[in-house]
Amino acid sequence: MKNKWSSCSSRGNVTLSSELIGLPNEVVEYVIVHELLHLIVPNHGVKFSLYELVVMVGNIRGKI
């Protein structure tokens, strides 16, 4: 995978690029969460953004 860090197929297969190795954990976590959310919401619409916001805020609260 050369042009993107990850993808999620319509069959639910999540693929992660080896380019993620060595990046900060927060970046890798964000990419993984982003792709897993696509298992619930397949597009980048408002619903997706709301789910993403809820998950990320919850993650931040857990680290405070």
PDB file of N, CA and C in Angstrom:
ATOM      1  N   MET A   1       0.861  -1.159   0.000  1.00  0.00           N
ATOM      2  CA  MET A   1       0.000   0.000   0.000  1.00  0.00           C
ATOM      3  C   MET A   1       0.911   1.227   0.000  1.00  0.00           C
ATOM      4  N   LYS A   2       0.887   2.003  -1.076  1.00  0.00           N
ATOM      5  CA  LYS A   2       1.832   3.106  -1.200  1.00  0.00           C
ATOM      6  C   LYS A   2       1.227   4.486  -0.990  1.00  0.00           C
ATOM      7  N   ASN A   3      -0.036   4.672  -1.300  1.00  0.00           N
ATOM      8  CA  ASN A   3      -0.606   6.012  -1.271  1.00  0.00           C
ATOM      9  C   ASN A   3      -1.440   6.325  -0.039  1.00  0.00           C
ATOM     10  N   LYS A   4      -1.761   5.325   0.749  1.00  0.00           N
ATOM     11  CA  LYS A   4      -2.570   5.592   1.934  1.00  0.00           C
ATOM     12  C   LYS A   4      -2.133   4.682   3.067  1.00  0.00           C
ATOM     13  N   TRP A   5      -2.443   5.113   4.273  1.00  0.00           N
ATOM     14  CA  TRP A   5      -2.037   4.367   5.448  1.00  0.00           C
ATOM     15  C   TRP A   5      -2.920   3.171   5.737  1.00  0.00           C
ATOM     16  N   SER A   6      -4.174   3.230   5.280  1.00  0.00           N
ATOM     17  CA  SER A   6      -5.095   2.148   5.616  1.00  0.00           C
ATOM     18  C   SER A   6      -6.314   2.177   4.721  1.00  0.00           C
ATOM     19  N   SER A   7      -7.063   1.073   4.790  1.00  0.00           N
ATOM     20  CA  SER A   7      -8.334   1.011   4.062  1.00  0.00           C
ATOM     21  C   SER A   7      -9.233  -0.016   4.734  1.00  0.00           C
ATOM     22  N   CYS A   8     -10.524   0.097   4.431  1.00  0.00           N
ATOM     23  CA  CYS A   8     -11.512  -0.852   4.925  1.00  0.00           C
ATOM     24  C   CYS A   8     -12.392  -1.226   3.745  1.00  0.00           C
ATOM     25  N   SER A   9     -12.419  -2.502   3.409  1.00  0.00           N
ATOM     26  CA  SER A   9     -13.201  -2.944   2.257  1.00  0.00           C
ATOM     27  C   SER A   9     -14.676  -3.079   2.622  1.00  0.00           C
ATOM     28  N   SER A  10     -15.502  -3.181   1.607  1.00  0.00           N
ATOM     29  CA  SER A  10     -16.941  -3.358   1.838  1.00  0.00           C
ATOM     30  C   SER A  10     -17.238  -4.696   2.508  1.00  0.00           C
ATOM     31  N   ARG A  11     -16.290  -5.609   2.483  1.00  0.00           N
ATOM     32  CA  ARG A  11     -16.444  -6.907   3.165  1.00  0.00           C
ATOM     33  C   ARG A  11     -15.945  -6.868   4.606  1.00  0.00           C
ATOM     34  N   GLY A  12     -15.447  -5.709   5.013  1.00  0.00           N
ATOM     35  CA  GLY A  12     -14.998  -5.561   6.392  1.00  0.00           C
ATOM     36  C   GLY A  12     -13.539  -5.894   6.630  1.00  0.00           C
ATOM     37  N   ASN A  13     -12.761  -5.999   5.563  1.00  0.00           N
ATOM     38  CA  ASN A  13     -11.333  -6.262   5.714  1.00  0.00           C
ATOM     39  C   ASN A  13     -10.583  -4.949   5.899  1.00  0.00           C
ATOM     40  N   VAL A  14      -9.884  -4.830   7.017  1.00  0.00           N
ATOM     41  CA  VAL A  14      -9.088  -3.638   7.289  1.00  0.00           C
ATOM     42  C   VAL A  14      -7.641  -3.948   6.937  1.00  0.00           C
ATOM     43  N   THR A  15      -7.036  -3.063   6.145  1.00  0.00           N
ATOM     44  CA  THR A  15      -5.646  -3.210   5.744  1.00  0.00           C
ATOM     45  C   THR A  15      -4.874  -2.004   6.251  1.00  0.00           C
ATOM     46  N   LEU A  16      -3.736  -2.268   6.884  1.00  0.00           N
ATOM     47  CA  LEU A  16      -2.887  -1.203   7.406  1.00  0.00           C
ATOM     48  C   LEU A  16      -1.549  -1.234   6.680  1.00  0.00           C
ATOM     49  N   SER A  17      -1.020  -0.067   6.374  1.00  0.00           N
ATOM     50  CA  SER A  17       0.253   0.046   5.679  1.00  0.00           C
ATOM     51  C   SER A  17       1.412  -0.130   6.653  1.00  0.00           C
ATOM     52  N   SER A  18       2.483  -0.723   6.167  1.00  0.00           N
ATOM     53  CA  SER A  18       3.695  -0.840   6.984  1.00  0.00           C
ATOM     54  C   SER A  18       4.309   0.535   7.246  1.00  0.00           C
ATOM     55  N   GLU A  19       3.875   1.548   6.506  1.00  0.00           N
ATOM     56  CA  GLU A  19       4.366   2.912   6.732  1.00  0.00           C
ATOM     57  C   GLU A  19       3.948   3.448   8.101  1.00  0.00           C
ATOM     58  N   LEU A  20       2.990   2.797   8.745  1.00  0.00           N
ATOM     59  CA  LEU A  20       2.563   3.215  10.085  1.00  0.00           C
ATOM     60  C   LEU A  20       3.601   2.857  11.150  1.00  0.00           C
ATOM     61  N   ILE A  21       4.458   1.895  10.837  1.00  0.00           N
ATOM     62  CA  ILE A  21       5.484   1.470  11.797  1.00  0.00           C
ATOM     63  C   ILE A  21       6.419   2.644  12.070  1.00  0.00           C
ATOM     64  N   GLY A  22       6.599   2.924  13.325  1.00  0.00           N
ATOM     65  CA  GLY A  22       7.497   4.003  13.712  1.00  0.00           C
ATOM     66  C   GLY A  22       6.819   5.348  13.903  1.00  0.00           C
ATOM     67  N   LEU A  23       5.566   5.458  13.474  1.00  0.00           N
ATOM     68  CA  LEU A  23       4.834   6.703  13.705  1.00  0.00           C
ATOM     69  C   LEU A  23       4.375   6.745  15.161  1.00  0.00           C
ATOM     70  N   PRO A  24       4.076   7.926  15.684  1.00  0.00           N
ATOM     71  CA  PRO A  24       3.608   8.013  17.074  1.00  0.00           C
ATOM     72  C   PRO A  24       2.360   7.156  17.304  1.00  0.00           C
ATOM     73  N   ASN A  25       2.270   6.576  18.486  1.00  0.00           N
ATOM     74  CA  ASN A  25       1.136   5.705  18.820  1.00  0.00           C
ATOM     75  C   ASN A  25      -0.203   6.388  18.609  1.00  0.00           C
ATOM     76  N   GLU A  26      -0.276   7.685  18.905  1.00  0.00           N
ATOM     77  CA  GLU A  26      -1.531   8.414  18.743  1.00  0.00           C
ATOM     78  C   GLU A  26      -1.987   8.418  17.287  1.00  0.00           C
ATOM     79  N   VAL A  27      -1.046   8.516  16.374  1.00  0.00           N
ATOM     80  CA  VAL A  27      -1.379   8.502  14.943  1.00  0.00           C
ATOM     81  C   VAL A  27      -1.884   7.124  14.543  1.00  0.00           C
ATOM     82  N   VAL A  28      -1.174   6.095  14.965  1.00  0.00           N
ATOM     83  CA  VAL A  28      -1.563   4.722  14.628  1.00  0.00           C
ATOM     84  C   VAL A  28      -2.933   4.401  15.226  1.00  0.00           C
ATOM     85  N   GLU A  29      -3.163   4.794  16.470  1.00  0.00           N
ATOM     86  CA  GLU A  29      -4.467   4.566  17.104  1.00  0.00           C
ATOM     87  C   GLU A  29      -5.575   5.264  16.335  1.00  0.00           C
ATOM     88  N   TYR A  30      -5.329   6.498  15.919  1.00  0.00           N
ATOM     89  CA  TYR A  30      -6.337   7.236  15.163  1.00  0.00           C
ATOM     90  C   TYR A  30      -6.667   6.513  13.859  1.00  0.00           C
ATOM     91  N   VAL A  31      -5.651   6.066  13.144  1.00  0.00           N
ATOM     92  CA  VAL A  31      -5.870   5.385  11.861  1.00  0.00           C
ATOM     93  C   VAL A  31      -6.677   4.108  12.075  1.00  0.00           C
ATOM     94  N   ILE A  32      -6.339   3.341  13.097  1.00  0.00           N
ATOM     95  CA  ILE A  32      -7.059   2.093  13.376  1.00  0.00           C
ATOM     96  C   ILE A  32      -8.509   2.377  13.750  1.00  0.00           C
ATOM     97  N   VAL A  33      -8.723   3.338  14.632  1.00  0.00           N
ATOM     98  CA  VAL A  33     -10.093   3.699  15.022  1.00  0.00           C
ATOM     99  C   VAL A  33     -10.879   4.163  13.803  1.00  0.00           C
ATOM    100  N   HIS A  34     -10.254   4.978  12.970  1.00  0.00           N
ATOM    101  CA  HIS A  34     -10.907   5.488  11.764  1.00  0.00           C
ATOM    102  C   HIS A  34     -11.404   4.334  10.891  1.00  0.00           C
ATOM    103  N   GLU A  35     -10.548   3.353  10.664  1.00  0.00           N
ATOM    104  CA  GLU A  35     -10.941   2.227   9.809  1.00  0.00           C
ATOM    105  C   GLU A  35     -11.983   1.345  10.483  1.00  0.00           C
ATOM    106  N   LEU A  36     -11.862   1.119  11.776  1.00  0.00           N
ATOM    107  CA  LEU A  36     -12.865   0.311  12.470  1.00  0.00           C
ATOM    108  C   LEU A  36     -14.233   0.979  12.450  1.00  0.00           C
ATOM    109  N   LEU A  37     -14.265   2.298  12.504  1.00  0.00           N
ATOM    110  CA  LEU A  37     -15.545   3.007  12.410  1.00  0.00           C
ATOM    111  C   LEU A  37     -16.208   2.780  11.057  1.00  0.00           C
ATOM    112  N   HIS A  38     -15.397   2.533  10.034  1.00  0.00           N
ATOM    113  CA  HIS A  38     -15.972   2.254   8.718  1.00  0.00           C
ATOM    114  C   HIS A  38     -16.753   0.936   8.705  1.00  0.00           C
ATOM    115  N   LEU A  39     -16.536   0.080   9.676  1.00  0.00           N
ATOM    116  CA  LEU A  39     -17.333  -1.145   9.785  1.00  0.00           C
ATOM    117  C   LEU A  39     -18.760  -0.813  10.211  1.00  0.00           C
ATOM    118  N   ILE A  40     -18.935   0.352  10.848  1.00  0.00           N
ATOM    119  CA  ILE A  40     -20.254   0.808  11.289  1.00  0.00           C
ATOM    120  C   ILE A  40     -20.858   1.777  10.283  1.00  0.00           C
ATOM    121  N   VAL A  41     -20.051   2.726   9.830  1.00  0.00           N
ATOM    122  CA  VAL A  41     -20.499   3.759   8.879  1.00  0.00           C
ATOM    123  C   VAL A  41     -19.531   3.749   7.699  1.00  0.00           C
ATOM    124  N   PRO A  42     -19.983   3.342   6.514  1.00  0.00           N
ATOM    125  CA  PRO A  42     -19.064   3.155   5.388  1.00  0.00           C
ATOM    126  C   PRO A  42     -18.543   4.432   4.722  1.00  0.00           C
ATOM    127  N   ASN A  43     -19.142   5.574   5.001  1.00  0.00           N
ATOM    128  CA  ASN A  43     -18.714   6.801   4.318  1.00  0.00           C
ATOM    129  C   ASN A  43     -18.194   7.822   5.327  1.00  0.00           C
ATOM    130  N   HIS A  44     -17.818   8.996   4.845  1.00  0.00           N
ATOM    131  CA  HIS A  44     -17.296  10.049   5.716  1.00  0.00           C
ATOM    132  C   HIS A  44     -18.326  11.145   5.964  1.00  0.00           C
ATOM    133  N   GLY A  45     -19.574  10.759   6.092  1.00  0.00           N
ATOM    134  CA  GLY A  45     -20.642  11.732   6.325  1.00  0.00           C
ATOM    135  C   GLY A  45     -20.676  12.227   7.759  1.00  0.00           C
ATOM    136  N   VAL A  46     -21.733  12.936   8.076  1.00  0.00           N
ATOM    137  CA  VAL A  46     -21.903  13.530   9.406  1.00  0.00           C
ATOM    138  C   VAL A  46     -21.932  12.453  10.485  1.00  0.00           C
ATOM    139  N   LYS A  47     -22.641  11.365  10.236  1.00  0.00           N
ATOM    140  CA  LYS A  47     -22.742  10.286  11.227  1.00  0.00           C
ATOM    141  C   LYS A  47     -21.352   9.732  11.547  1.00  0.00           C
ATOM    142  N   PHE A  48     -20.542   9.533  10.514  1.00  0.00           N
ATOM    143  CA  PHE A  48     -19.179   9.038  10.715  1.00  0.00           C
ATOM    144  C   PHE A  48     -18.392  10.013  11.587  1.00  0.00           C
ATOM    145  N   SER A  49     -18.481  11.294  11.255  1.00  0.00           N
ATOM    146  CA  SER A  49     -17.741  12.318  12.002  1.00  0.00           C
ATOM    147  C   SER A  49     -18.163  12.358  13.467  1.00  0.00           C
ATOM    148  N   LEU A  50     -19.449  12.189  13.732  1.00  0.00           N
ATOM    149  CA  LEU A  50     -19.929  12.191  15.114  1.00  0.00           C
ATOM    150  C   LEU A  50     -19.401  10.993  15.891  1.00  0.00           C
ATOM    151  N   TYR A  51     -19.451   9.810  15.277  1.00  0.00           N
ATOM    152  CA  TYR A  51     -18.895   8.618  15.927  1.00  0.00           C
ATOM    153  C   TYR A  51     -17.410   8.820  16.218  1.00  0.00           C
ATOM    154  N   GLU A  52     -16.703   9.343  15.235  1.00  0.00           N
ATOM    155  CA  GLU A  52     -15.265   9.554  15.383  1.00  0.00           C
ATOM    156  C   GLU A  52     -14.981  10.525  16.536  1.00  0.00           C
ATOM    157  N   LEU A  53     -15.740  11.585  16.605  1.00  0.00           N
ATOM    158  CA  LEU A  53     -15.575  12.573  17.668  1.00  0.00           C
ATOM    159  C   LEU A  53     -15.820  11.954  19.040  1.00  0.00           C
ATOM    160  N   VAL A  54     -16.872  11.187  19.166  1.00  0.00           N
ATOM    161  CA  VAL A  54     -17.197  10.543  20.445  1.00  0.00           C
ATOM    162  C   VAL A  54     -16.075   9.603  20.873  1.00  0.00           C
ATOM    163  N   VAL A  55     -15.576   8.811  19.951  1.00  0.00           N
ATOM    164  CA  VAL A  55     -14.511   7.861  20.281  1.00  0.00           C
ATOM    165  C   VAL A  55     -13.235   8.597  20.665  1.00  0.00           C
ATOM    166  N   MET A  56     -12.870   9.607  19.897  1.00  0.00           N
ATOM    167  CA  MET A  56     -11.630  10.315  20.168  1.00  0.00           C
ATOM    168  C   MET A  56     -11.705  11.103  21.481  1.00  0.00           C
ATOM    169  N   VAL A  57     -12.837  11.728  21.775  1.00  0.00           N
ATOM    170  CA  VAL A  57     -12.994  12.450  23.046  1.00  0.00           C
ATOM    171  C   VAL A  57     -12.917  11.460  24.204  1.00  0.00           C
ATOM    172  N   GLY A  58     -13.550  10.315  24.050  1.00  0.00           N
ATOM    173  CA  GLY A  58     -13.469   9.284  25.083  1.00  0.00           C
ATOM    174  C   GLY A  58     -12.040   8.824  25.299  1.00  0.00           C
ATOM    175  N   ASN A  59     -11.286   8.723  24.226  1.00  0.00           N
ATOM    176  CA  ASN A  59      -9.888   8.315  24.306  1.00  0.00           C
ATOM    177  C   ASN A  59      -9.061   9.376  25.032  1.00  0.00           C
ATOM    178  N   ILE A  60      -9.310  10.633  24.730  1.00  0.00           N
ATOM    179  CA  ILE A  60      -8.596  11.725  25.395  1.00  0.00           C
ATOM    180  C   ILE A  60      -8.928  11.741  26.884  1.00  0.00           C
ATOM    181  N   ARG A  61     -10.195  11.568  27.216  1.00  0.00           N
ATOM    182  CA  ARG A  61     -10.599  11.558  28.631  1.00  0.00           C
ATOM    183  C   ARG A  61      -9.922  10.429  29.384  1.00  0.00           C
ATOM    184  N   GLY A  62      -9.751   9.299  28.729  1.00  0.00           N
ATOM    185  CA  GLY A  62      -9.100   8.166  29.367  1.00  0.00           C
ATOM    186  C   GLY A  62      -7.630   8.401  29.650  1.00  0.00           C
ATOM    187  N   LYS A  63      -7.028   9.374  28.972  1.00  0.00           N
ATOM    188  CA  LYS A  63      -5.602   9.655  29.158  1.00  0.00           C
ATOM    189  C   LYS A  63      -5.345  10.828  30.091  1.00  0.00           C
ATOM    190  N   ILE A  64      -6.424  11.485  30.515  1.00  0.00           N
ATOM    191  CA  ILE A  64      -6.248  12.659  31.393  1.00  0.00           C
ATOM    192  C   ILE A  64      -6.113  12.199  32.835  1.00  0.00           C
TER     193      ILE A  64
END
